[in-house]
Amino acid sequence: MPQHVPSSLRTPVPRAAQHPSALPPPPRRIVFLAHRDLDNPAAGGSELLVDKLADGLTRLGHQVTLLCGGPASPTLGSARAGGAPTRDYRVVSAGGEFGHYLRARSAFARQVGETDLLVEVCNGMPYLAPLWHRGPTLCLVNHVHTDLWKMRFGGPLTPAARIGRRLEHWALAGAAQQRGLLVAVSPSTAHALRAIGVERDRIRVVHNGVEEPDPRAERSPEPLFVAVGRLVEYKRIDLLLRLWERVRPVTGGRLVIVGDGPERERLEQLAGPGVEFTGHVSEAEKHRLLCAAWLLLHPSAVEGWGLVVTEAAARETPSIAFDVPGLRDSVVDGVTGVLAAGESSFAAAWCTLALSGHRRESMGKAARDRAARYRWDRTVRQFRAVTAEAVRGWVP
C-alpha cells in the first residue's frame, strides 16, 4: 500500500482564499436555505456543516438565518437538542419535510426580509433560488446524487429517478445558477460537478472541519468495530453486516452500528451475532465509541467528504472504506486507513488490520496528524472568503 499522499488527495486552496485583499467585505446578512435543521432527528453531516458555518459566521459578526424544512427552533440563543450548547443564529421553518421545497420562496419573502447573500444547500432536490431571489446567491453542494437517484427510487428508469436526476443536473449546471459560484466540500464533489457541465472556474472547494477532541478515552481491550451514520440505503450497512459474517470468525469481537433511520428495522433483522445497534447517541458517547474502536468502518456508496472519518481520525482511529467519491478524499489509502476496491478487499483489510495492532497504531497516528489540518474555524474563514467573492461577482 502506498505510504505517500497522492496529488489527487492533497487539499486544494479555495480560489477566494488565495487573494483576500482583492475581495470586498463579506456580506453581513446571510441566509442558508437547507433541507433540515441540525436538531431534526434525520440530520446528518450536511446539517452539521451548515450549523458550524452559521455559528462560525455569527461569531464573526454576521447576522445568520437558517430557513429549512420540518421542525425548527426559531428563538436565538435557544437550547439545543440533547443538551448541546445554545446557538445564536435564527432558524425558521418553511414547512414540512417535502412541502417546504414549494414554500421556500414565499417563506423567504414573509419571514426573512433583507438579505445580502442567500446560500442554497443543494442535496439532491434543488430550490432553484437564483430564479426567484433578486440578489446574490451561492450554492453549497455536499455531493451530486447522480447514481443515488436510482438507488433511492428503485432503478434508473423509474420516472422519479429520471426526473430527480435531470432536475438536479439542470439546477447545478444549467441556467438555474446563472453562472454563480458553487462550493464543493471535497475534490470528488468538485469533479462530479465538472462532470455534469459546471465550469471549473465557478467551483470553490471548502472542506469540512472537525472539533479538537476531548482527551482520549480508553481503547477497547477486545476487538471493537464501529460504523456511524444515518441508516439509509446508500450507506450500505446491509453490505457491512454480510461482510461481518466473514470477518467475525477471524477477528471475534463486536460490531457497533451508531445511528438511526428508515432502514434500521430491516438491518436489525439481517444482523447476526456480535452486532449492536445503538440508535442516536450523545456527542460524549460518540467520542467514547470512536476512541474505543479498533477501526471505523464506512461502507457507503458515495459521500461528500465523510465527516465521521475525520472525527475518528482525530481520535487516532483509522478507517476502512470503499474507494468511492468523498471517502477517497478523507481517507489516505495505506496511510490513514484503507480504501477497498471491492467487498473481498474490504473484508481482507478488516481482518488484516484487526490482527495487526502495530499497523493500526501507526495508521491511527497518521490519521490524527492529518485530521489536525481540518478545523472548523479554518472552514468558516474559507467559506467567508467565498461569500465575499459571490457578492462581488453578482450582476443584477
Protein backbone atom coordinates (compact mmCIF):
# COMPACT_ATOMS: atom_id res chain seq x y z
CA MET A 1 0.00 0.00 0.00
CA PRO A 2 1.33 3.49 -0.81
CA GLN A 3 2.84 5.49 2.04
CA HIS A 4 2.53 8.92 0.42
CA VAL A 5 -0.40 11.23 -0.17
CA PRO A 6 -1.46 11.11 -3.84
CA SER A 7 -1.65 14.50 -5.53
CA SER A 8 -5.36 13.97 -6.20
CA LEU A 9 -5.94 13.87 -2.44
CA ARG A 10 -3.97 16.94 -1.46
CA THR A 11 -6.02 19.79 -0.13
CA PRO A 12 -6.64 22.47 -2.76
CA VAL A 13 -6.86 26.05 -1.53
CA PRO A 14 -10.17 27.74 -2.40
CA ARG A 15 -9.51 30.39 -5.01
CA ALA A 16 -11.17 33.07 -2.93
CA ALA A 17 -8.79 32.37 -0.05
CA GLN A 18 -5.71 32.93 -2.21
CA HIS A 19 -6.20 36.69 -2.74
CA PRO A 20 -8.26 38.01 0.21
CA SER A 21 -7.06 41.59 -0.27
CA ALA A 22 -8.82 41.72 -3.64
CA LEU A 23 -12.21 41.00 -2.09
CA PRO A 24 -14.81 43.40 -0.66
CA PRO A 25 -16.05 42.98 2.92
CA PRO A 26 -18.06 39.76 3.32
CA PRO A 27 -21.88 40.04 3.33
CA ARG A 28 -23.36 40.89 6.73
CA ARG A 29 -26.84 39.32 6.40
CA ILE A 30 -26.60 35.69 5.27
CA VAL A 31 -29.45 33.20 4.84
CA PHE A 32 -28.94 29.44 4.46
CA LEU A 33 -31.73 27.58 2.67
CA ALA A 34 -31.48 23.89 3.57
CA HIS A 35 -33.48 20.70 3.94
CA ARG A 36 -33.14 20.28 7.71
CA ASP A 37 -32.04 21.87 10.94
CA LEU A 38 -29.36 20.06 12.98
CA ASP A 39 -31.96 19.28 15.67
CA ASN A 40 -34.05 17.31 13.15
CA PRO A 41 -33.97 13.56 14.02
CA ALA A 42 -32.89 12.83 10.42
CA ALA A 43 -29.98 15.30 10.49
CA GLY A 44 -26.54 14.22 9.33
CA GLY A 45 -23.25 15.60 8.08
CA SER A 46 -24.78 18.25 5.82
CA GLU A 47 -26.77 19.69 8.71
CA LEU A 48 -23.69 19.70 10.94
CA LEU A 49 -21.72 21.57 8.28
CA VAL A 50 -24.43 24.23 7.93
CA ASP A 51 -24.65 24.58 11.72
CA LYS A 52 -20.89 25.05 12.04
CA LEU A 53 -20.85 27.61 9.21
CA ALA A 54 -23.85 29.51 10.59
CA ASP A 55 -22.46 29.50 14.12
CA GLY A 56 -18.97 30.50 13.00
CA LEU A 57 -20.23 33.33 10.79
CA THR A 58 -22.40 34.59 13.64
CA ARG A 59 -19.37 34.70 15.92
CA LEU A 60 -17.59 36.77 13.27
CA GLY A 61 -20.35 39.38 13.41
CA HIS A 62 -22.72 38.30 10.65
CA GLN A 63 -26.50 38.06 11.02
CA VAL A 64 -27.35 34.50 10.00
CA THR A 65 -30.72 32.83 9.41
CA LEU A 66 -31.37 29.18 8.52
CA LEU A 67 -34.58 28.63 6.53
CA CYS A 68 -35.32 24.91 6.49
CA GLY A 69 -37.97 22.20 6.30
CA GLY A 70 -39.52 20.33 9.20
CA PRO A 71 -39.40 21.33 12.86
CA ALA A 72 -37.14 24.20 13.82
CA SER A 73 -36.20 26.13 16.97
CA PRO A 74 -36.82 29.77 15.98
CA THR A 75 -35.50 31.51 19.12
CA LEU A 76 -32.00 32.97 19.13
CA GLY A 77 -29.92 31.54 21.94
CA SER A 78 -32.29 28.59 22.27
CA ALA A 79 -31.21 25.35 23.89
CA ARG A 80 -30.13 22.60 21.53
CA ALA A 81 -31.39 19.04 21.42
CA GLY A 82 -29.58 16.64 23.72
CA GLY A 83 -28.18 19.42 25.90
CA ALA A 84 -25.88 20.79 23.19
CA PRO A 85 -24.64 24.40 23.51
CA THR A 86 -27.05 27.20 22.61
CA ARG A 87 -26.93 28.81 19.21
CA ASP A 88 -27.16 32.48 18.32
CA TYR A 89 -28.38 32.31 14.74
CA ARG A 90 -32.05 32.30 13.79
CA VAL A 91 -33.84 29.20 12.50
CA VAL A 92 -37.13 29.43 10.57
CA SER A 93 -39.29 26.56 9.31
CA ALA A 94 -40.55 26.89 5.74
CA GLY A 95 -42.95 23.93 6.06
CA GLY A 96 -42.87 20.15 6.08
CA GLU A 97 -40.07 17.84 5.04
CA PHE A 98 -41.00 17.94 1.35
CA GLY A 99 -43.58 20.73 1.15
CA HIS A 100 -41.01 23.32 2.13
CA TYR A 101 -39.38 22.98 -1.31
CA LEU A 102 -42.53 24.51 -2.78
CA ARG A 103 -42.96 27.05 0.02
CA ALA A 104 -39.35 28.21 0.29
CA ARG A 105 -39.87 31.30 -1.86
CA SER A 106 -42.96 32.52 -0.02
CA ALA A 107 -41.45 31.67 3.40
CA PHE A 108 -38.34 33.61 2.49
CA ALA A 109 -40.41 36.65 1.49
CA ARG A 110 -42.59 36.51 4.63
CA GLN A 111 -40.11 35.60 7.33
CA VAL A 112 -36.59 36.57 6.30
CA GLY A 113 -36.51 40.09 4.91
CA GLU A 114 -33.43 41.97 3.71
CA THR A 115 -30.55 39.67 2.78
CA ASP A 116 -27.05 40.27 1.45
CA LEU A 117 -26.47 36.66 0.38
CA LEU A 118 -28.66 33.57 0.03
CA VAL A 119 -26.81 30.25 0.34
CA GLU A 120 -28.76 27.38 -1.23
CA VAL A 121 -27.72 24.00 0.18
CA CYS A 122 -28.42 21.59 -2.67
CA ASN A 123 -28.58 17.97 -1.53
CA GLY A 124 -30.35 16.40 -4.47
CA MET A 125 -33.61 18.31 -4.75
CA PRO A 126 -32.88 21.97 -5.65
CA TYR A 127 -34.71 25.11 -4.51
CA LEU A 128 -33.85 26.96 -7.74
CA ALA A 129 -33.14 30.02 -5.61
CA PRO A 130 -31.32 32.04 -8.32
CA LEU A 131 -34.51 32.01 -10.39
CA TRP A 132 -36.60 33.79 -7.74
CA HIS A 133 -34.19 35.56 -5.39
CA ARG A 134 -33.23 39.06 -6.53
CA GLY A 135 -29.82 39.17 -5.01
CA PRO A 136 -26.52 37.29 -4.76
CA THR A 137 -26.74 33.53 -4.30
CA LEU A 138 -24.19 30.83 -3.52
CA CYS A 139 -24.77 27.08 -3.93
CA LEU A 140 -23.31 24.70 -1.34
CA VAL A 141 -23.00 21.10 -2.60
CA ASN A 142 -22.08 18.10 -0.46
CA HIS A 143 -22.29 15.56 -3.27
CA VAL A 144 -24.00 15.15 -6.61
CA HIS A 145 -26.73 12.49 -6.39
CA THR A 146 -26.31 11.18 -9.95
CA ASP A 147 -26.18 7.47 -9.03
CA LEU A 148 -28.22 7.77 -5.83
CA TRP A 149 -31.50 8.60 -7.55
CA LYS A 150 -31.82 5.06 -8.92
CA MET A 151 -30.80 3.60 -5.54
CA ARG A 152 -33.45 5.65 -3.73
CA PHE A 153 -36.27 5.15 -6.23
CA GLY A 154 -35.73 1.56 -7.33
CA GLY A 155 -33.99 1.78 -10.70
CA PRO A 156 -32.55 4.18 -13.26
CA LEU A 157 -35.63 4.04 -15.49
CA THR A 158 -38.30 4.88 -12.92
CA PRO A 159 -39.92 8.30 -13.55
CA ALA A 160 -38.93 9.64 -10.12
CA ALA A 161 -35.27 8.70 -10.60
CA ARG A 162 -35.16 10.22 -14.10
CA ILE A 163 -36.87 13.44 -13.07
CA GLY A 164 -34.78 13.87 -9.93
CA ARG A 165 -31.52 13.30 -11.74
CA ARG A 166 -32.34 15.66 -14.61
CA LEU A 167 -33.64 18.38 -12.27
CA GLU A 168 -30.56 18.22 -10.07
CA HIS A 169 -28.18 18.38 -13.03
CA TRP A 170 -30.10 21.25 -14.64
CA ALA A 171 -30.19 23.16 -11.36
CA LEU A 172 -26.46 22.80 -10.77
CA ALA A 173 -25.08 23.12 -14.28
CA GLY A 174 -27.81 24.94 -16.19
CA ALA A 175 -29.35 28.36 -16.23
CA ALA A 176 -30.70 27.98 -12.68
CA GLN A 177 -27.37 29.03 -11.18
CA GLN A 178 -26.91 31.96 -13.60
CA ARG A 179 -23.16 31.41 -13.60
CA GLY A 180 -22.94 31.86 -9.83
CA LEU A 181 -20.36 30.19 -7.61
CA LEU A 182 -20.71 26.70 -6.17
CA VAL A 183 -18.94 25.46 -3.04
CA ALA A 184 -17.93 21.78 -3.08
CA VAL A 185 -16.90 20.05 0.14
CA SER A 186 -14.24 17.87 -1.50
CA PRO A 187 -12.26 17.40 -4.72
CA SER A 188 -14.57 14.45 -5.52
CA THR A 189 -17.62 16.69 -5.39
CA ALA A 190 -15.83 19.29 -7.50
CA HIS A 191 -15.03 16.57 -10.05
CA ALA A 192 -18.67 15.41 -10.09
CA LEU A 193 -19.82 18.99 -10.71
CA ARG A 194 -17.41 19.34 -13.60
CA ALA A 195 -18.65 16.00 -14.99
CA ILE A 196 -22.21 17.35 -15.31
CA GLY A 197 -21.08 20.54 -17.00
CA VAL A 198 -20.25 23.07 -14.30
CA GLU A 199 -17.35 25.26 -15.37
CA ARG A 200 -14.18 24.76 -13.35
CA ASP A 201 -13.82 28.49 -12.58
CA ARG A 202 -17.21 28.53 -10.82
CA ILE A 203 -16.25 25.87 -8.26
CA ARG A 204 -14.57 26.52 -4.91
CA VAL A 205 -13.54 23.71 -2.54
CA VAL A 206 -14.09 24.24 1.19
CA HIS A 207 -13.54 21.16 3.34
CA ASN A 208 -15.44 20.10 6.43
CA GLY A 209 -13.69 20.63 9.72
CA VAL A 210 -13.57 18.72 12.98
CA GLU A 211 -13.59 19.73 16.64
CA GLU A 212 -10.47 19.38 18.74
CA PRO A 213 -11.45 16.21 20.60
CA ASP A 214 -11.64 15.82 24.35
CA PRO A 215 -8.83 13.83 25.99
CA ARG A 216 -8.76 10.31 24.61
CA ALA A 217 -10.99 7.71 26.19
CA GLU A 218 -9.68 4.18 26.65
CA ARG A 219 -9.22 1.89 23.64
CA SER A 220 -11.25 -1.29 23.92
CA PRO A 221 -9.10 -4.26 25.01
CA GLU A 222 -11.33 -6.52 22.91
CA PRO A 223 -11.93 -6.15 19.15
CA LEU A 224 -14.47 -3.35 18.64
CA PHE A 225 -15.51 -2.10 15.21
CA VAL A 226 -17.80 0.89 14.75
CA ALA A 227 -19.89 2.28 11.90
CA VAL A 228 -21.56 5.68 12.30
CA GLY A 229 -24.21 7.24 10.08
CA ARG A 230 -27.82 7.57 9.12
CA LEU A 231 -29.35 4.18 8.30
CA VAL A 232 -30.39 4.75 4.69
CA GLU A 233 -29.85 2.74 1.52
CA TYR A 234 -26.70 4.35 0.18
CA LYS A 235 -24.80 3.92 3.46
CA ARG A 236 -24.89 0.15 2.69
CA ILE A 237 -24.90 -1.14 6.26
CA ASP A 238 -26.54 -4.31 4.91
CA LEU A 239 -23.32 -5.00 3.00
CA LEU A 240 -21.31 -4.42 6.17
CA LEU A 241 -23.45 -6.95 8.02
CA ARG A 242 -22.79 -9.55 5.31
CA LEU A 243 -19.06 -8.92 5.48
CA TRP A 244 -19.16 -9.23 9.27
CA GLU A 245 -20.23 -12.85 8.90
CA ARG A 246 -16.97 -13.46 7.02
CA VAL A 247 -14.80 -11.38 9.35
CA ARG A 248 -16.18 -12.37 12.76
CA PRO A 249 -14.79 -15.94 12.76
CA VAL A 250 -11.32 -14.47 12.17
CA THR A 251 -11.36 -11.45 14.47
CA GLY A 252 -14.07 -12.07 17.06
CA GLY A 253 -15.29 -9.02 18.96
CA ARG A 254 -18.24 -6.71 18.40
CA LEU A 255 -19.63 -4.59 15.57
CA VAL A 256 -21.48 -1.49 16.81
CA ILE A 257 -23.78 0.43 14.44
CA VAL A 258 -24.37 4.01 15.59
CA GLY A 259 -27.27 5.96 14.11
CA ASP A 260 -30.89 5.63 13.12
CA GLY A 261 -33.03 5.85 10.02
CA PRO A 262 -35.67 4.16 7.88
CA GLU A 263 -33.51 1.08 7.25
CA ARG A 264 -32.99 0.22 10.91
CA GLU A 265 -35.72 -2.42 11.33
CA ARG A 266 -34.64 -4.28 8.19
CA LEU A 267 -30.99 -4.13 9.19
CA GLU A 268 -31.65 -5.43 12.68
CA GLN A 269 -33.37 -8.43 11.14
CA LEU A 270 -30.27 -9.09 8.99
CA ALA A 271 -27.79 -8.75 11.84
CA GLY A 272 -26.02 -11.83 13.15
CA PRO A 273 -24.15 -12.46 16.42
CA GLY A 274 -21.95 -9.73 17.85
CA VAL A 275 -23.85 -6.82 16.29
CA GLU A 276 -25.27 -3.98 18.38
CA PHE A 277 -27.47 -1.10 17.18
CA THR A 278 -27.28 1.94 19.46
CA GLY A 279 -29.59 4.39 17.67
CA HIS A 280 -28.74 8.06 18.19
CA VAL A 281 -26.08 8.71 20.81
CA SER A 282 -24.81 11.82 22.55
CA GLU A 283 -21.62 13.53 21.38
CA ALA A 284 -19.93 12.28 24.54
CA GLU A 285 -20.91 8.69 23.79
CA LYS A 286 -19.85 9.03 20.15
CA HIS A 287 -16.49 10.32 21.37
CA ARG A 288 -16.13 7.33 23.69
CA LEU A 289 -17.00 4.84 20.95
CA LEU A 290 -14.67 6.40 18.37
CA CYS A 291 -11.84 6.34 20.90
CA ALA A 292 -12.59 2.75 21.92
CA ALA A 293 -12.96 1.43 18.37
CA TRP A 294 -10.16 -0.50 16.72
CA LEU A 295 -11.45 0.59 13.29
CA LEU A 296 -14.11 2.84 11.82
CA LEU A 297 -15.97 1.06 9.02
CA HIS A 298 -17.56 3.16 6.27
CA PRO A 299 -19.22 1.07 3.52
CA SER A 300 -21.13 3.98 1.91
CA ALA A 301 -21.60 4.10 -1.87
CA VAL A 302 -20.77 7.82 -2.01
CA GLU A 303 -20.11 10.72 0.33
CA GLY A 304 -19.40 14.40 0.04
CA TRP A 305 -16.45 14.09 2.39
CA GLY A 306 -17.13 11.52 5.11
CA LEU A 307 -17.09 13.70 8.20
CA VAL A 308 -17.07 10.80 10.65
CA VAL A 309 -13.80 9.60 9.09
CA THR A 310 -12.13 12.83 10.23
CA GLU A 311 -13.84 12.63 13.62
CA ALA A 312 -12.44 9.12 14.07
CA ALA A 313 -9.04 10.19 12.76
CA ALA A 314 -8.82 12.96 15.36
CA ARG A 315 -9.12 10.19 17.94
CA GLU A 316 -6.37 8.07 16.33
CA THR A 317 -8.83 5.57 14.88
CA PRO A 318 -8.12 4.54 11.26
CA SER A 319 -10.89 3.82 8.76
CA ILE A 320 -11.74 1.21 6.17
CA ALA A 321 -13.94 2.46 3.35
CA PHE A 322 -14.62 1.80 -0.28
CA ASP A 323 -12.74 3.74 -2.92
CA VAL A 324 -15.69 5.99 -3.76
CA PRO A 325 -16.20 9.77 -4.12
CA GLY A 326 -15.73 11.67 -0.89
CA LEU A 327 -14.18 8.82 1.05
CA ARG A 328 -11.19 8.77 -1.26
CA ASP A 329 -10.67 12.37 -0.13
CA SER A 330 -10.99 11.83 3.62
CA VAL A 331 -9.07 8.51 3.75
CA VAL A 332 -5.49 8.38 2.51
CA ASP A 333 -5.09 4.79 1.33
CA GLY A 334 -2.41 2.89 3.21
CA VAL A 335 -1.63 5.90 5.43
CA THR A 336 -4.69 6.87 7.50
CA GLY A 337 -6.73 3.80 6.61
CA VAL A 338 -7.59 1.56 3.68
CA LEU A 339 -9.69 2.19 0.57
CA ALA A 340 -11.08 -1.10 -0.70
CA ALA A 341 -11.79 -1.80 -4.36
CA GLY A 342 -14.49 -4.38 -3.62
CA GLU A 343 -16.18 -6.47 -0.96
CA SER A 344 -13.42 -9.08 -0.71
CA SER A 345 -10.67 -6.49 -0.32
CA PHE A 346 -12.77 -4.67 2.30
CA ALA A 347 -13.11 -7.90 4.32
CA ALA A 348 -9.41 -8.70 3.85
CA ALA A 349 -8.33 -5.25 5.07
CA TRP A 350 -10.70 -5.54 8.02
CA CYS A 351 -9.16 -8.85 9.08
CA THR A 352 -5.59 -7.75 8.42
CA LEU A 353 -5.79 -4.55 10.46
CA ALA A 354 -7.74 -6.23 13.24
CA LEU A 355 -4.89 -8.71 13.65
CA SER A 356 -2.09 -6.13 13.48
CA GLY A 357 -2.08 -3.76 16.46
CA HIS A 358 1.19 -2.12 15.36
CA ARG A 359 -0.22 -1.25 11.93
CA ARG A 360 -3.46 0.10 13.41
CA GLU A 361 -1.48 2.27 15.80
CA SER A 362 0.72 3.63 13.02
CA MET A 363 -2.26 4.46 10.84
CA GLY A 364 -4.09 5.98 13.80
CA LYS A 365 -1.24 8.41 14.49
CA ALA A 366 -1.05 9.38 10.80
CA ALA A 367 -4.83 9.89 10.78
CA ARG A 368 -4.61 12.12 13.87
CA ASP A 369 -1.88 14.25 12.27
CA ARG A 370 -3.90 14.70 9.09
CA ALA A 371 -7.11 15.50 10.99
CA ALA A 372 -5.26 18.33 12.75
CA ARG A 373 -5.24 20.15 9.39
CA TYR A 374 -9.04 20.31 9.37
CA ARG A 375 -10.60 22.59 11.97
CA TRP A 376 -13.96 24.33 11.82
CA ASP A 377 -12.50 27.82 12.27
CA ARG A 378 -10.47 27.31 9.09
CA THR A 379 -13.56 26.03 7.27
CA VAL A 380 -15.54 29.11 8.33
CA ARG A 381 -12.79 31.51 7.23
CA GLN A 382 -12.52 29.87 3.81
CA PHE A 383 -16.29 29.86 3.35
CA ARG A 384 -16.49 33.51 4.41
CA ALA A 385 -13.96 34.41 1.72
CA VAL A 386 -16.11 32.68 -0.90
CA THR A 387 -19.23 34.56 0.27
CA ALA A 388 -17.40 37.83 -0.35
CA GLU A 389 -16.42 36.66 -3.83
CA ALA A 390 -20.01 35.61 -4.58
CA VAL A 391 -21.33 39.06 -3.67
CA ARG A 392 -18.59 40.81 -5.62
CA GLY A 393 -19.30 38.79 -8.76
CA TRP A 394 -23.09 39.16 -8.70
CA VAL A 395 -24.61 41.08 -11.61
CA PRO A 396 -28.21 42.36 -11.07
